[in-house]
C-alpha atoms as a PDB file:
ATOM      1  CA  MET A   1      55.813 -19.081-192.744  1.00  0.00           C
ATOM      2  CA  PRO A   2      56.030 -16.519-195.546  1.00  0.00           C
ATOM      3  CA  SER A   3      59.117 -14.381-195.948  1.00  0.00           C
ATOM      4  CA  LEU A   4      59.066 -10.741-194.811  1.00  0.00           C
ATOM      5  CA  GLY A   5      61.040  -9.791-197.920  1.00  0.00           C
ATOM      6  CA  THR A   6      64.660  -9.843-198.953  1.00  0.00           C
ATOM      7  CA  ILE A   7      67.849  -7.948-198.230  1.00  0.00           C
ATOM      8  CA  ALA A   8      71.012  -7.831-200.312  1.00  0.00           C
ATOM      9  CA  ILE A   9      74.456  -7.691-198.734  1.00  0.00           C
ATOM     10  CA  LYS A  10      77.701  -7.186-200.592  1.00  0.00           C
ATOM     11  CA  GLY A  11      80.734  -9.259-199.634  1.00  0.00           C
ATOM     12  CA  LYS A  12      84.352  -8.106-199.668  1.00  0.00           C
ATOM     13  CA  SER A  13      84.678  -9.776-203.087  1.00  0.00           C
ATOM     14  CA  GLY A  14      82.008  -7.440-204.447  1.00  0.00           C
ATOM     15  CA  ARG A  15      79.553 -10.303-204.847  1.00  0.00           C
ATOM     16  CA  ARG A  16      75.984  -9.472-203.814  1.00  0.00           C
ATOM     17  CA  TYR A  17      74.141 -12.033-201.667  1.00  0.00           C
ATOM     18  CA  VAL A  18      70.342 -11.994-201.384  1.00  0.00           C
ATOM     19  CA  PHE A  19      68.875 -13.212-198.087  1.00  0.00           C
ATOM     20  CA  LYS A  20      65.204 -13.945-197.387  1.00  0.00           C
ATOM     21  CA  THR A  21      64.032 -12.397-194.127  1.00  0.00           C
ATOM     22  CA  TYR A  22      61.840 -14.147-191.540  1.00  0.00           C
ATOM     23  CA  PRO A  23      60.671 -13.486-187.977  1.00  0.00           C
ATOM     24  CA  LEU A  24      63.176 -14.811-185.449  1.00  0.00           C
ATOM     25  CA  GLU A  25      60.705 -17.451-184.220  1.00  0.00           C
ATOM     26  CA  THR A  26      60.473 -19.120-187.644  1.00  0.00           C
ATOM     27  CA  VAL A  27      60.965 -22.895-187.621  1.00  0.00           C
ATOM     28  CA  PHE A  28      62.599 -23.986-190.861  1.00  0.00           C
ATOM     29  CA  LYS A  29      62.342 -27.342-192.611  1.00  0.00           C
ATOM     30  CA  LYS A  30      64.643 -30.025-191.238  1.00  0.00           C
ATOM     31  CA  ASP A  31      68.085 -30.159-192.896  1.00  0.00           C
ATOM     32  CA  LEU A  32      67.711 -26.758-194.595  1.00  0.00           C
ATOM     33  CA  ALA A  33      71.319 -25.572-194.831  1.00  0.00           C
ATOM     34  CA  GLY A  34      72.570 -22.059-195.329  1.00  0.00           C
ATOM     35  CA  VAL A  35      74.098 -18.834-194.127  1.00  0.00           C
ATOM     36  CA  TYR A  36      72.095 -16.780-191.627  1.00  0.00           C
ATOM     37  CA  LEU A  37      72.138 -13.263-190.296  1.00  0.00           C
ATOM     38  CA  LEU A  38      70.397 -12.211-187.078  1.00  0.00           C
ATOM     39  CA  THR A  39      69.121  -8.666-187.368  1.00  0.00           C
ATOM     40  CA  LYS A  40      67.104  -5.993-185.626  1.00  0.00           C
ATOM     41  CA  ARG A  41      64.441  -5.241-188.252  1.00  0.00           C
ATOM     42  CA  THR A  42      62.503  -1.993-188.356  1.00  0.00           C
ATOM     43  CA  PHE A  43      59.716  -1.336-190.826  1.00  0.00           C
ATOM     44  CA  SER A  44      58.487   1.981-192.147  1.00  0.00           C
ATOM     45  CA  GLU A  45      54.770   1.641-192.796  1.00  0.00           C
ATOM     46  CA  ALA A  46      54.640   4.935-194.695  1.00  0.00           C
ATOM     47  CA  ALA A  47      57.499   4.068-197.048  1.00  0.00           C
ATOM     48  CA  LYS A  48      56.826   0.293-197.010  1.00  0.00           C
ATOM     49  CA  THR A  49      60.547  -0.323-196.455  1.00  0.00           C
ATOM     50  CA  GLN A  50      62.494  -2.415-193.999  1.00  0.00           C
ATOM     51  CA  ARG A  51      65.889  -1.744-192.437  1.00  0.00           C
ATOM     52  CA  HIS A  52      68.086  -4.343-190.796  1.00  0.00           C
ATOM     53  CA  LYS A  53      70.808  -3.786-188.219  1.00  0.00           C
ATOM     54  CA  PRO A  54      73.126  -6.850-188.458  1.00  0.00           C
ATOM     55  CA  LEU A  55      73.843  -8.492-185.098  1.00  0.00           C
ATOM     56  CA  MET A  56      75.276 -11.936-185.870  1.00  0.00           C
ATOM     57  CA  LEU A  57      76.446 -13.815-188.962  1.00  0.00           C
ATOM     58  CA  GLY A  58      76.716 -17.595-189.069  1.00  0.00           C
ATOM     59  CA  HIS A  59      76.146 -20.721-191.129  1.00  0.00           C
ATOM     60  CA  ASN A  60      74.728 -24.121-190.348  1.00  0.00           C
ATOM     61  CA  ALA A  61      73.871 -27.424-192.045  1.00  0.00           C
ATOM     62  CA  ASN A  62      70.504 -27.390-190.251  1.00  0.00           C
ATOM     63  CA  LEU A  63      68.859 -23.969-189.939  1.00  0.00           C
ATOM     64  CA  ARG A  64      66.059 -25.538-187.910  1.00  0.00           C
ATOM     65  CA  GLU A  65      68.636 -25.681-185.089  1.00  0.00           C
ATOM     66  CA  PRO A  66      71.108 -22.849-185.756  1.00  0.00           C
ATOM     67  CA  ASN A  67      72.494 -22.999-182.183  1.00  0.00           C
ATOM     68  CA  ILE A  68      71.934 -19.312-181.510  1.00  0.00           C
ATOM     69  CA  ASP A  69      71.895 -18.224-177.863  1.00  0.00           C
ATOM     70  CA  THR A  70      69.207 -15.548-178.022  1.00  0.00           C
ATOM     71  CA  SER A  71      69.420 -15.107-174.235  1.00  0.00           C
ATOM     72  CA  ASP A  72      72.780 -13.352-174.767  1.00  0.00           C
ATOM     73  CA  PRO A  73      72.099  -9.632-174.098  1.00  0.00           C
ATOM     74  CA  PHE A  74      74.028  -8.696-177.274  1.00  0.00           C
ATOM     75  CA  TYR A  75      71.289 -10.367-179.335  1.00  0.00           C
ATOM     76  CA  ALA A  76      68.375  -9.133-177.218  1.00  0.00           C
ATOM     77  CA  ASP A  77      67.250  -6.745-179.966  1.00  0.00           C
ATOM     78  CA  ALA A  78      67.210  -9.465-182.641  1.00  0.00           C
ATOM     79  CA  ASN A  79      63.763  -9.948-184.129  1.00  0.00           C
ATOM     80  CA  CYS A  80      64.618 -11.324-187.548  1.00  0.00           C
ATOM     81  CA  ILE A  81      66.644 -14.109-189.131  1.00  0.00           C
ATOM     82  CA  CYS A  82      67.766 -13.674-192.717  1.00  0.00           C
ATOM     83  CA  ILE A  83      68.805 -16.797-194.610  1.00  0.00           C
ATOM     84  CA  LEU A  84      70.648 -17.656-197.791  1.00  0.00           C
ATOM     85  CA  VAL A  85      70.056 -21.330-198.588  1.00  0.00           C
ATOM     86  CA  GLU A  86      73.254 -23.179-199.556  1.00  0.00           C
ATOM     87  CA  LYS A  87      73.627 -26.959-199.301  1.00  0.00           C
ATOM     88  CA  ASP A  88      77.365 -27.102-199.957  1.00  0.00           C
ATOM     89  CA  GLU A  89      79.486 -26.773-196.777  1.00  0.00           C
ATOM     90  CA  VAL A  90      82.510 -25.283-198.556  1.00  0.00           C
ATOM     91  CA  ALA A  91      80.315 -22.724-200.335  1.00  0.00           C
ATOM     92  CA  ARG A  92      78.633 -21.773-197.017  1.00  0.00           C
ATOM     93  CA  GLN A  93      82.012 -21.224-195.396  1.00  0.00           C
ATOM     94  CA  GLY A  94      83.150 -19.125-198.359  1.00  0.00           C
ATOM     95  CA  ILE A  95      80.041 -16.932-198.281  1.00  0.00           C
ATOM     96  CA  HIS A  96      80.369 -16.514-194.507  1.00  0.00           C
ATOM     97  CA  GLN A  97      84.011 -15.488-194.818  1.00  0.00           C
ATOM     98  CA  ASP A  98      83.318 -13.104-197.726  1.00  0.00           C
ATOM     99  CA  LEU A  99      80.588 -11.346-195.739  1.00  0.00           C
ATOM    100  CA  GLU A 100      82.548 -11.329-192.479  1.00  0.00           C
ATOM    101  CA  SER A 101      85.598  -9.845-194.234  1.00  0.00           C
ATOM    102  CA  SER A 102      83.469  -7.042-195.669  1.00  0.00           C
ATOM    103  CA  GLY A 103      82.438  -5.850-192.223  1.00  0.00           C
ATOM    104  CA  SER A 104      78.734  -6.196-193.149  1.00  0.00           C
END
């Protein structure tokens, strides 16, 4: 499935991370590892821009099965998953922590 676009998020370190955005129902390739962000995406047709309200940040060695409980009412508004592909486990944890510490 084609990406809906990209979003950039700055970590506490000041580093900028670029995530590709996809519909929540997207099934990724097996063993695709990375950091993910569940969001509520809105799109302005007139301005051709998207906005994302972050709902959940996580990371997983297999984004095909990110173990997200979308039945949880807190995530009921989620309609998008944004991913940053990263094979290295230590790097994924570092990115996750940098973003979590920033309050993004």
